[in-house]
């Protein structure tokens, strides 16, 4: 066998090896992509405390400008919290209110959170919206470094007035309003009414803030206040600022994780009217996390 033939044979064998390598690498990439998708689905379900495929439940979002108000901190510290929160809002695509707007995102820092909340309940119970006394008292009594209270309302997804006579494809209701409408094929394609965040109140227990900096705490509040989350929902091995008060000191997240930012950006860059918004968020998260 001549040297030329040997060289050609070697080149062909090398090409075959490369081709084989490519063939075996493609399934691995597919498997890794599917594993990531499953992790993203689990993350969304855990954080929102709603099964990922529950498409009949509109995601609770801010459809109005967010106006933060900080109380209980020295002025300089309060300004840093305000600036950090505003930066997070704008970076993920939520709308921050203009200067002088009416506050609707409250951060209250106090060494006596239960006394403050009980006083609000006694004197201004309407702050808790239409929640039952049992639910409010359970919220007040449960000790947390940060308590988050949500007030929301049913809002028209297309901006039209909310009415109980709106036609719907089924009997699904959201505060007495038909939940979704059908497309031309009779499929329930879009929500007619969505959950519009009206106000969020974050009560921070000042006695539990030792060892934490306000950048971390602000990111935690931002994550919890931009959509309704399960404060105990961070599980598995996915990083999240929601682990802030549960992780060992050496493992505490320093701010919003890439997963958190991808999730929030996905929420505020997808169609809130779509019954498949969670799936759209999942796709955007996977794209973001694989860049």
C-alpha atoms as a PDB file:
ATOM      1  CA  UNK A   1       0.000   0.000   0.000  1.00  0.00           C
ATOM      2  CA  UNK A   2       1.478   3.313  -1.081  1.00  0.00           C
ATOM      3  CA  UNK A   3       2.049   6.226   1.295  1.00  0.00           C
ATOM      4  CA  UNK A   4      -0.584   8.262  -0.592  1.00  0.00           C
ATOM      5  CA  UNK A   5      -3.209   5.552  -0.041  1.00  0.00           C
ATOM      6  CA  UNK A   6      -2.264   5.311   3.625  1.00  0.00           C
ATOM      7  CA  UNK A   7      -2.654   9.084   4.001  1.00  0.00           C
ATOM      8  CA  UNK A   8      -6.041   9.011   2.294  1.00  0.00           C
ATOM      9  CA  UNK A   9      -7.148   6.104   4.476  1.00  0.00           C
ATOM     10  CA  UNK A  10      -6.039   7.965   7.600  1.00  0.00           C
ATOM     11  CA  UNK A  11      -7.852  11.147   6.550  1.00  0.00           C
ATOM     12  CA  UNK A  12     -11.041   9.217   5.886  1.00  0.00           C
ATOM     13  CA  UNK A  13     -10.796   7.474   9.245  1.00  0.00           C
ATOM     14  CA  UNK A  14     -10.273  10.824  10.984  1.00  0.00           C
ATOM     15  CA  UNK A  15     -13.271  12.293   9.186  1.00  0.00           C
ATOM     16  CA  UNK A  16     -15.307   9.265  10.222  1.00  0.00           C
ATOM     17  CA  UNK A  17     -14.255   9.763  13.830  1.00  0.00           C
ATOM     18  CA  UNK A  18     -15.272  13.440  13.689  1.00  0.00           C
ATOM     19  CA  UNK A  19     -18.586  12.532  12.102  1.00  0.00           C
ATOM     20  CA  UNK A  20     -19.184   9.919  14.780  1.00  0.00           C
ATOM     21  CA  UNK A  21     -18.335  12.481  17.436  1.00  0.00           C
ATOM     22  CA  UNK A  22     -20.865  14.901  15.966  1.00  0.00           C
ATOM     23  CA  UNK A  23     -23.529  12.207  15.814  1.00  0.00           C
ATOM     24  CA  UNK A  24     -23.008  11.290  19.452  1.00  0.00           C
ATOM     25  CA  UNK A  25     -22.844  14.933  20.572  1.00  0.00           C
ATOM     26  CA  UNK A  26     -26.192  15.926  19.072  1.00  0.00           C
ATOM     27  CA  UNK A  27     -28.295  13.649  21.312  1.00  0.00           C
ATOM     28  CA  UNK A  28     -26.339  14.899  24.325  1.00  0.00           C
ATOM     29  CA  UNK A  29     -27.184  18.499  23.421  1.00  0.00           C
ATOM     30  CA  UNK A  30     -30.848  17.541  23.037  1.00  0.00           C
ATOM     31  CA  UNK A  31     -30.848  15.777  26.411  1.00  0.00           C
ATOM     32  CA  UNK A  32     -29.182  18.757  28.108  1.00  0.00           C
ATOM     33  CA  UNK A  33     -31.733  21.124  26.534  1.00  0.00           C
ATOM     34  CA  UNK A  34     -34.612  18.969  27.753  1.00  0.00           C
ATOM     35  CA  UNK A  35     -33.142  18.784  31.251  1.00  0.00           C
ATOM     36  CA  UNK A  36     -32.855  22.583  31.309  1.00  0.00           C
ATOM     37  CA  UNK A  37     -36.449  22.947  30.089  1.00  0.00           C
ATOM     38  CA  UNK A  38     -37.672  20.649  32.857  1.00  0.00           C
ATOM     39  CA  UNK A  39     -35.717  22.634  35.442  1.00  0.00           C
ATOM     40  CA  UNK A  40     -37.212  25.865  34.119  1.00  0.00           C
ATOM     41  CA  UNK A  41     -40.728  24.393  34.273  1.00  0.00           C
ATOM     42  CA  UNK A  42     -40.107  23.277  37.864  1.00  0.00           C
ATOM     43  CA  UNK A  43     -38.689  26.685  38.794  1.00  0.00           C
ATOM     44  CA  UNK A  44     -41.754  28.506  37.415  1.00  0.00           C
ATOM     45  CA  UNK A  45     -44.157  26.118  39.166  1.00  0.00           C
ATOM     46  CA  UNK A  46     -42.344  26.377  42.494  1.00  0.00           C
ATOM     47  CA  UNK A  47     -41.879  30.130  42.489  1.00  0.00           C
ATOM     48  CA  UNK A  48     -45.457  30.901  41.463  1.00  0.00           C
ATOM     49  CA  UNK A  49     -46.989  28.019  43.475  1.00  0.00           C
ATOM     50  CA  UNK A  50     -49.045  27.131  40.398  1.00  0.00           C
ATOM     51  CA  UNK A  51     -48.576  24.020  38.221  1.00  0.00           C
ATOM     52  CA  UNK A  52     -46.630  25.008  35.112  1.00  0.00           C
ATOM     53  CA  UNK A  53     -49.310  23.752  32.748  1.00  0.00           C
ATOM     54  CA  UNK A  54     -52.161  25.514  34.589  1.00  0.00           C
ATOM     55  CA  UNK A  55     -53.089  27.746  31.688  1.00  0.00           C
ATOM     56  CA  UNK A  56     -56.460  28.777  33.122  1.00  0.00           C
ATOM     57  CA  UNK A  57     -54.836  30.918  35.798  1.00  0.00           C
ATOM     58  CA  UNK A  58     -53.623  34.340  34.561  1.00  0.00           C
ATOM     59  CA  UNK A  59     -50.273  35.451  35.919  1.00  0.00           C
ATOM     60  CA  UNK A  60     -50.508  38.231  38.484  1.00  0.00           C
ATOM     61  CA  UNK A  61     -48.587  41.242  37.124  1.00  0.00           C
ATOM     62  CA  UNK A  62     -48.338  45.010  37.292  1.00  0.00           C
ATOM     63  CA  UNK A  63     -50.242  46.531  34.386  1.00  0.00           C
ATOM     64  CA  UNK A  64     -49.835  50.039  35.786  1.00  0.00           C
ATOM     65  CA  UNK A  65     -46.776  52.152  36.699  1.00  0.00           C
ATOM     66  CA  UNK A  66     -45.098  51.109  39.960  1.00  0.00           C
ATOM     67  CA  UNK A  67     -44.507  53.870  42.512  1.00  0.00           C
ATOM     68  CA  UNK A  68     -42.236  52.780  45.387  1.00  0.00           C
ATOM     69  CA  UNK A  69     -42.429  54.283  48.860  1.00  0.00           C
ATOM     70  CA  UNK A  70     -39.806  53.527  51.539  1.00  0.00           C
ATOM     71  CA  UNK A  71     -40.439  54.072  55.265  1.00  0.00           C
ATOM     72  CA  UNK A  72     -38.501  53.296  58.422  1.00  0.00           C
ATOM     73  CA  UNK A  73     -34.947  53.773  57.126  1.00  0.00           C
ATOM     74  CA  UNK A  74     -32.549  56.722  57.441  1.00  0.00           C
ATOM     75  CA  UNK A  75     -32.821  58.952  54.404  1.00  0.00           C
ATOM     76  CA  UNK A  76     -29.599  57.868  52.708  1.00  0.00           C
ATOM     77  CA  UNK A  77     -30.337  54.160  53.183  1.00  0.00           C
ATOM     78  CA  UNK A  78     -33.906  54.684  52.005  1.00  0.00           C
ATOM     79  CA  UNK A  79     -32.701  56.422  48.853  1.00  0.00           C
ATOM     80  CA  UNK A  80     -30.359  53.523  48.088  1.00  0.00           C
ATOM     81  CA  UNK A  81     -33.234  51.060  48.470  1.00  0.00           C
ATOM     82  CA  UNK A  82     -35.455  53.243  46.268  1.00  0.00           C
ATOM     83  CA  UNK A  83     -32.786  53.502  43.555  1.00  0.00           C
ATOM     84  CA  UNK A  84     -32.033  49.781  43.644  1.00  0.00           C
ATOM     85  CA  UNK A  85     -35.715  48.866  43.388  1.00  0.00           C
ATOM     86  CA  UNK A  86     -36.247  51.310  40.526  1.00  0.00           C
ATOM     87  CA  UNK A  87     -33.233  49.864  38.687  1.00  0.00           C
ATOM     88  CA  UNK A  88     -34.655  46.354  38.954  1.00  0.00           C
ATOM     89  CA  UNK A  89     -38.087  47.493  37.758  1.00  0.00           C
ATOM     90  CA  UNK A  90     -36.728  49.190  34.659  1.00  0.00           C
ATOM     91  CA  UNK A  91     -34.173  46.465  33.887  1.00  0.00           C
ATOM     92  CA  UNK A  92     -36.793  43.730  33.643  1.00  0.00           C
ATOM     93  CA  UNK A  93     -39.324  45.787  31.687  1.00  0.00           C
ATOM     94  CA  UNK A  94     -41.833  46.910  34.328  1.00  0.00           C
ATOM     95  CA  UNK A  95     -42.934  50.539  34.247  1.00  0.00           C
ATOM     96  CA  UNK A  96     -41.750  52.827  37.037  1.00  0.00           C
ATOM     97  CA  UNK A  97     -44.025  55.735  37.917  1.00  0.00           C
ATOM     98  CA  UNK A  98     -43.155  59.359  37.321  1.00  0.00           C
ATOM     99  CA  UNK A  99     -41.891  61.508  40.223  1.00  0.00           C
ATOM    100  CA  UNK A 100     -44.800  62.460  42.473  1.00  0.00           C
ATOM    101  CA  UNK A 101     -46.949  59.491  41.504  1.00  0.00           C
ATOM    102  CA  UNK A 102     -49.284  57.914  44.048  1.00  0.00           C
ATOM    103  CA  UNK A 103     -47.388  55.203  46.003  1.00  0.00           C
ATOM    104  CA  UNK A 104     -48.461  51.614  45.448  1.00  0.00           C
ATOM    105  CA  UNK A 105     -45.308  49.585  46.266  1.00  0.00           C
ATOM    106  CA  UNK A 106     -44.579  50.067  49.968  1.00  0.00           C
ATOM    107  CA  UNK A 107     -41.483  48.941  51.858  1.00  0.00           C
ATOM    108  CA  UNK A 108     -41.898  49.471  55.594  1.00  0.00           C
ATOM    109  CA  UNK A 109     -38.976  48.672  57.919  1.00  0.00           C
ATOM    110  CA  UNK A 110     -39.886  48.236  61.588  1.00  0.00           C
ATOM    111  CA  UNK A 111     -38.650  46.354  64.679  1.00  0.00           C
ATOM    112  CA  UNK A 112     -42.300  45.623  65.571  1.00  0.00           C
ATOM    113  CA  UNK A 113     -43.972  44.259  62.433  1.00  0.00           C
ATOM    114  CA  UNK A 114     -46.832  42.516  64.233  1.00  0.00           C
ATOM    115  CA  UNK A 115     -47.747  45.640  66.209  1.00  0.00           C
ATOM    116  CA  UNK A 116     -47.696  47.736  63.043  1.00  0.00           C
ATOM    117  CA  UNK A 117     -49.822  45.248  61.106  1.00  0.00           C
ATOM    118  CA  UNK A 118     -52.303  44.781  63.930  1.00  0.00           C
ATOM    119  CA  UNK A 119     -52.660  48.554  64.164  1.00  0.00           C
ATOM    120  CA  UNK A 120     -53.353  48.761  60.436  1.00  0.00           C
ATOM    121  CA  UNK A 121     -55.887  45.948  60.729  1.00  0.00           C
ATOM    122  CA  UNK A 122     -57.673  47.691  63.600  1.00  0.00           C
ATOM    123  CA  UNK A 123     -57.759  51.174  62.076  1.00  0.00           C
ATOM    124  CA  UNK A 124     -57.477  50.745  58.298  1.00  0.00           C
ATOM    125  CA  UNK A 125     -58.636  47.200  57.559  1.00  0.00           C
ATOM    126  CA  UNK A 126     -59.438  48.186  53.958  1.00  0.00           C
ATOM    127  CA  UNK A 127     -55.669  48.154  53.301  1.00  0.00           C
ATOM    128  CA  UNK A 128     -56.014  44.366  53.170  1.00  0.00           C
ATOM    129  CA  UNK A 129     -58.676  44.571  50.477  1.00  0.00           C
ATOM    130  CA  UNK A 130     -61.439  41.974  50.618  1.00  0.00           C
ATOM    131  CA  UNK A 131     -59.338  39.332  52.391  1.00  0.00           C
ATOM    132  CA  UNK A 132     -61.022  37.396  55.179  1.00  0.00           C
ATOM    133  CA  UNK A 133     -60.097  38.184  58.796  1.00  0.00           C
ATOM    134  CA  UNK A 134     -58.712  34.662  59.153  1.00  0.00           C
ATOM    135  CA  UNK A 135     -56.338  35.133  56.249  1.00  0.00           C
ATOM    136  CA  UNK A 136     -55.174  38.547  57.485  1.00  0.00           C
ATOM    137  CA  UNK A 137     -54.565  37.324  61.022  1.00  0.00           C
ATOM    138  CA  UNK A 138     -52.643  34.319  59.724  1.00  0.00           C
ATOM    139  CA  UNK A 139     -50.483  36.646  57.642  1.00  0.00           C
ATOM    140  CA  UNK A 140     -49.796  38.925  60.617  1.00  0.00           C
ATOM    141  CA  UNK A 141     -48.994  36.073  63.007  1.00  0.00           C
ATOM    142  CA  UNK A 142     -46.545  34.242  60.748  1.00  0.00           C
ATOM    143  CA  UNK A 143     -43.033  35.482  61.558  1.00  0.00           C
ATOM    144  CA  UNK A 144     -40.858  36.248  58.542  1.00  0.00           C
ATOM    145  CA  UNK A 145     -37.896  38.538  57.932  1.00  0.00           C
ATOM    146  CA  UNK A 146     -40.027  40.048  55.146  1.00  0.00           C
ATOM    147  CA  UNK A 147     -43.791  39.705  54.858  1.00  0.00           C
ATOM    148  CA  UNK A 148     -45.360  40.493  51.474  1.00  0.00           C
ATOM    149  CA  UNK A 149     -49.025  41.444  51.118  1.00  0.00           C
ATOM    150  CA  UNK A 150     -50.644  41.634  47.677  1.00  0.00           C
ATOM    151  CA  UNK A 151     -53.757  43.521  46.632  1.00  0.00           C
ATOM    152  CA  UNK A 152     -54.991  42.923  43.100  1.00  0.00           C
ATOM    153  CA  UNK A 153     -58.101  43.455  41.030  1.00  0.00           C
ATOM    154  CA  UNK A 154     -59.656  41.910  37.968  1.00  0.00           C
ATOM    155  CA  UNK A 155     -58.766  44.037  34.950  1.00  0.00           C
ATOM    156  CA  UNK A 156     -59.686  43.860  31.301  1.00  0.00           C
ATOM    157  CA  UNK A 157     -56.810  42.413  29.306  1.00  0.00           C
ATOM    158  CA  UNK A 158     -57.513  44.650  26.302  1.00  0.00           C
ATOM    159  CA  UNK A 159     -58.138  47.859  28.239  1.00  0.00           C
ATOM    160  CA  UNK A 160     -61.907  47.851  27.786  1.00  0.00           C
ATOM    161  CA  UNK A 161     -64.199  48.321  30.791  1.00  0.00           C
ATOM    162  CA  UNK A 162     -64.756  45.298  33.028  1.00  0.00           C
ATOM    163  CA  UNK A 163     -68.320  44.025  32.929  1.00  0.00           C
ATOM    164  CA  UNK A 164     -69.903  40.795  34.122  1.00  0.00           C
ATOM    165  CA  UNK A 165     -71.736  40.476  30.811  1.00  0.00           C
ATOM    166  CA  UNK A 166     -68.546  39.954  28.809  1.00  0.00           C
ATOM    167  CA  UNK A 167     -68.978  36.846  26.596  1.00  0.00           C
ATOM    168  CA  UNK A 168     -66.757  33.880  27.377  1.00  0.00           C
ATOM    169  CA  UNK A 169     -65.995  30.436  26.042  1.00  0.00           C
ATOM    170  CA  UNK A 170     -66.844  28.755  29.333  1.00  0.00           C
ATOM    171  CA  UNK A 171     -68.055  29.445  32.837  1.00  0.00           C
ATOM    172  CA  UNK A 172     -64.577  30.359  34.100  1.00  0.00           C
ATOM    173  CA  UNK A 173     -64.802  33.474  36.252  1.00  0.00           C
ATOM    174  CA  UNK A 174     -62.333  35.945  37.719  1.00  0.00           C
ATOM    175  CA  UNK A 175     -64.068  38.105  40.333  1.00  0.00           C
ATOM    176  CA  UNK A 176     -67.326  37.569  38.481  1.00  0.00           C
ATOM    177  CA  UNK A 177     -65.818  38.364  35.082  1.00  0.00           C
ATOM    178  CA  UNK A 178     -65.538  35.696  32.340  1.00  0.00           C
ATOM    179  CA  UNK A 179     -61.943  34.564  32.350  1.00  0.00           C
ATOM    180  CA  UNK A 180     -61.239  33.958  28.697  1.00  0.00           C
ATOM    181  CA  UNK A 181     -62.614  34.352  25.189  1.00  0.00           C
ATOM    182  CA  UNK A 182     -62.458  32.021  22.218  1.00  0.00           C
ATOM    183  CA  UNK A 183     -60.745  32.496  18.894  1.00  0.00           C
ATOM    184  CA  UNK A 184     -62.377  31.869  15.516  1.00  0.00           C
ATOM    185  CA  UNK A 185     -61.920  28.119  15.910  1.00  0.00           C
ATOM    186  CA  UNK A 186     -63.668  27.931  19.249  1.00  0.00           C
ATOM    187  CA  UNK A 187     -60.395  27.542  21.146  1.00  0.00           C
ATOM    188  CA  UNK A 188     -59.936  29.445  24.386  1.00  0.00           C
ATOM    189  CA  UNK A 189     -56.998  31.514  23.212  1.00  0.00           C
ATOM    190  CA  UNK A 190     -56.872  34.642  25.333  1.00  0.00           C
ATOM    191  CA  UNK A 191     -57.881  35.915  28.731  1.00  0.00           C
ATOM    192  CA  UNK A 192     -60.598  38.535  28.792  1.00  0.00           C
ATOM    193  CA  UNK A 193     -59.709  39.426  32.380  1.00  0.00           C
ATOM    194  CA  UNK A 194     -56.341  39.283  34.105  1.00  0.00           C
ATOM    195  CA  UNK A 195     -54.967  39.891  37.588  1.00  0.00           C
ATOM    196  CA  UNK A 196     -53.750  43.481  37.825  1.00  0.00           C
ATOM    197  CA  UNK A 197     -51.504  44.249  40.781  1.00  0.00           C
ATOM    198  CA  UNK A 198     -53.037  47.138  42.682  1.00  0.00           C
ATOM    199  CA  UNK A 199     -50.614  47.452  45.609  1.00  0.00           C
ATOM    200  CA  UNK A 200     -47.834  45.541  47.354  1.00  0.00           C
ATOM    201  CA  UNK A 201     -46.750  46.051  50.938  1.00  0.00           C
ATOM    202  CA  UNK A 202     -43.438  44.613  52.141  1.00  0.00           C
ATOM    203  CA  UNK A 203     -43.075  44.642  55.928  1.00  0.00           C
ATOM    204  CA  UNK A 204     -39.416  44.168  56.878  1.00  0.00           C
ATOM    205  CA  UNK A 205     -38.592  42.974  60.391  1.00  0.00           C
ATOM    206  CA  UNK A 206     -35.607  45.141  61.349  1.00  0.00           C
ATOM    207  CA  UNK A 207     -34.648  42.736  64.142  1.00  0.00           C
ATOM    208  CA  UNK A 208     -33.960  40.002  61.563  1.00  0.00           C
ATOM    209  CA  UNK A 209     -31.729  42.017  59.209  1.00  0.00           C
ATOM    210  CA  UNK A 210     -28.367  41.369  60.906  1.00  0.00           C
ATOM    211  CA  UNK A 211     -25.893  39.940  58.394  1.00  0.00           C
ATOM    212  CA  UNK A 212     -27.836  41.098  55.330  1.00  0.00           C
ATOM    213  CA  UNK A 213     -27.214  44.163  53.203  1.00  0.00           C
ATOM    214  CA  UNK A 214     -30.001  46.270  51.779  1.00  0.00           C
ATOM    215  CA  UNK A 215     -29.095  45.447  48.179  1.00  0.00           C
ATOM    216  CA  UNK A 216     -29.857  41.778  48.862  1.00  0.00           C
ATOM    217  CA  UNK A 217     -33.054  42.569  50.752  1.00  0.00           C
ATOM    218  CA  UNK A 218     -34.235  44.993  48.056  1.00  0.00           C
ATOM    219  CA  UNK A 219     -33.711  42.397  45.327  1.00  0.00           C
ATOM    220  CA  UNK A 220     -35.665  39.881  47.416  1.00  0.00           C
ATOM    221  CA  UNK A 221     -38.547  42.350  47.773  1.00  0.00           C
ATOM    222  CA  UNK A 222     -38.423  43.188  44.055  1.00  0.00           C
ATOM    223  CA  UNK A 223     -38.626  39.512  43.132  1.00  0.00           C
ATOM    224  CA  UNK A 224     -41.509  38.975  45.539  1.00  0.00           C
ATOM    225  CA  UNK A 225     -43.365  42.138  44.556  1.00  0.00           C
ATOM    226  CA  UNK A 226     -43.266  42.065  40.766  1.00  0.00           C
ATOM    227  CA  UNK A 227     -45.533  39.033  40.641  1.00  0.00           C
ATOM    228  CA  UNK A 228     -47.168  36.934  43.300  1.00  0.00           C
ATOM    229  CA  UNK A 229     -44.599  34.371  44.400  1.00  0.00           C
ATOM    230  CA  UNK A 230     -44.349  31.601  46.943  1.00  0.00           C
ATOM    231  CA  UNK A 231     -41.744  32.918  49.403  1.00  0.00           C
ATOM    232  CA  UNK A 232     -40.849  29.305  50.201  1.00  0.00           C
ATOM    233  CA  UNK A 233     -40.918  28.226  46.575  1.00  0.00           C
ATOM    234  CA  UNK A 234     -37.191  28.163  45.745  1.00  0.00           C
ATOM    235  CA  UNK A 235     -36.232  24.498  45.748  1.00  0.00           C
ATOM    236  CA  UNK A 236     -33.896  22.105  44.003  1.00  0.00           C
ATOM    237  CA  UNK A 237     -30.551  23.358  42.778  1.00  0.00           C
ATOM    238  CA  UNK A 238     -31.717  26.421  40.835  1.00  0.00           C
ATOM    239  CA  UNK A 239     -30.291  29.675  42.215  1.00  0.00           C
ATOM    240  CA  UNK A 240     -32.762  32.292  43.417  1.00  0.00           C
ATOM    241  CA  UNK A 241     -32.812  35.350  45.649  1.00  0.00           C
ATOM    242  CA  UNK A 242     -35.822  33.705  47.332  1.00  0.00           C
ATOM    243  CA  UNK A 243     -33.276  31.536  49.190  1.00  0.00           C
ATOM    244  CA  UNK A 244     -31.884  34.627  50.922  1.00  0.00           C
ATOM    245  CA  UNK A 245     -33.279  33.940  54.372  1.00  0.00           C
ATOM    246  CA  UNK A 246     -33.027  30.146  54.221  1.00  0.00           C
ATOM    247  CA  UNK A 247     -29.496  29.616  52.914  1.00  0.00           C
ATOM    248  CA  UNK A 248     -26.415  29.324  55.163  1.00  0.00           C
ATOM    249  CA  UNK A 249     -24.499  32.621  55.506  1.00  0.00           C
ATOM    250  CA  UNK A 250     -21.711  31.459  53.189  1.00  0.00           C
ATOM    251  CA  UNK A 251     -24.218  30.498  50.470  1.00  0.00           C
ATOM    252  CA  UNK A 252     -26.552  33.480  50.537  1.00  0.00           C
ATOM    253  CA  UNK A 253     -27.340  34.942  47.102  1.00  0.00           C
ATOM    254  CA  UNK A 254     -25.947  38.422  46.629  1.00  0.00           C
ATOM    255  CA  UNK A 255     -28.798  39.571  44.411  1.00  0.00           C
ATOM    256  CA  UNK A 256     -31.230  38.436  41.749  1.00  0.00           C
ATOM    257  CA  UNK A 257     -29.883  35.310  40.060  1.00  0.00           C
ATOM    258  CA  UNK A 258     -29.758  34.864  36.287  1.00  0.00           C
ATOM    259  CA  UNK A 259     -32.798  32.598  36.703  1.00  0.00           C
ATOM    260  CA  UNK A 260     -34.696  35.279  38.605  1.00  0.00           C
ATOM    261  CA  UNK A 261     -33.929  37.982  36.049  1.00  0.00           C
ATOM    262  CA  UNK A 262     -34.775  35.689  33.139  1.00  0.00           C
ATOM    263  CA  UNK A 263     -38.082  34.816  34.813  1.00  0.00           C
ATOM    264  CA  UNK A 264     -39.059  38.434  35.519  1.00  0.00           C
ATOM    265  CA  UNK A 265     -37.985  39.633  32.074  1.00  0.00           C
ATOM    266  CA  UNK A 266     -39.973  36.798  30.533  1.00  0.00           C
ATOM    267  CA  UNK A 267     -43.083  37.794  32.481  1.00  0.00           C
ATOM    268  CA  UNK A 268     -42.857  41.416  31.427  1.00  0.00           C
ATOM    269  CA  UNK A 269     -41.980  40.696  27.780  1.00  0.00           C
ATOM    270  CA  UNK A 270     -44.729  38.195  26.989  1.00  0.00           C
ATOM    271  CA  UNK A 271     -48.425  38.679  26.325  1.00  0.00           C
ATOM    272  CA  UNK A 272     -50.317  38.706  29.648  1.00  0.00           C
ATOM    273  CA  UNK A 273     -53.532  38.033  27.691  1.00  0.00           C
ATOM    274  CA  UNK A 274     -52.255  34.688  26.413  1.00  0.00           C
ATOM    275  CA  UNK A 275     -53.319  31.523  28.205  1.00  0.00           C
ATOM    276  CA  UNK A 276     -49.903  30.166  27.224  1.00  0.00           C
ATOM    277  CA  UNK A 277     -47.889  32.925  28.865  1.00  0.00           C
ATOM    278  CA  UNK A 278     -46.078  30.516  31.193  1.00  0.00           C
ATOM    279  CA  UNK A 279     -44.884  28.501  28.204  1.00  0.00           C
ATOM    280  CA  UNK A 280     -43.691  31.676  26.478  1.00  0.00           C
ATOM    281  CA  UNK A 281     -41.834  32.695  29.645  1.00  0.00           C
ATOM    282  CA  UNK A 282     -40.235  29.267  29.781  1.00  0.00           C
ATOM    283  CA  UNK A 283     -38.968  29.567  26.202  1.00  0.00           C
ATOM    284  CA  UNK A 284     -37.486  33.006  26.886  1.00  0.00           C
ATOM    285  CA  UNK A 285     -35.833  31.743  30.060  1.00  0.00           C
ATOM    286  CA  UNK A 286     -34.184  28.852  28.225  1.00  0.00           C
ATOM    287  CA  UNK A 287     -32.922  31.242  25.545  1.00  0.00           C
ATOM    288  CA  UNK A 288     -31.539  33.602  28.171  1.00  0.00           C
ATOM    289  CA  UNK A 289     -29.867  30.864  30.216  1.00  0.00           C
ATOM    290  CA  UNK A 290     -28.163  29.245  27.200  1.00  0.00           C
ATOM    291  CA  UNK A 291     -26.617  32.390  25.751  1.00  0.00           C
END
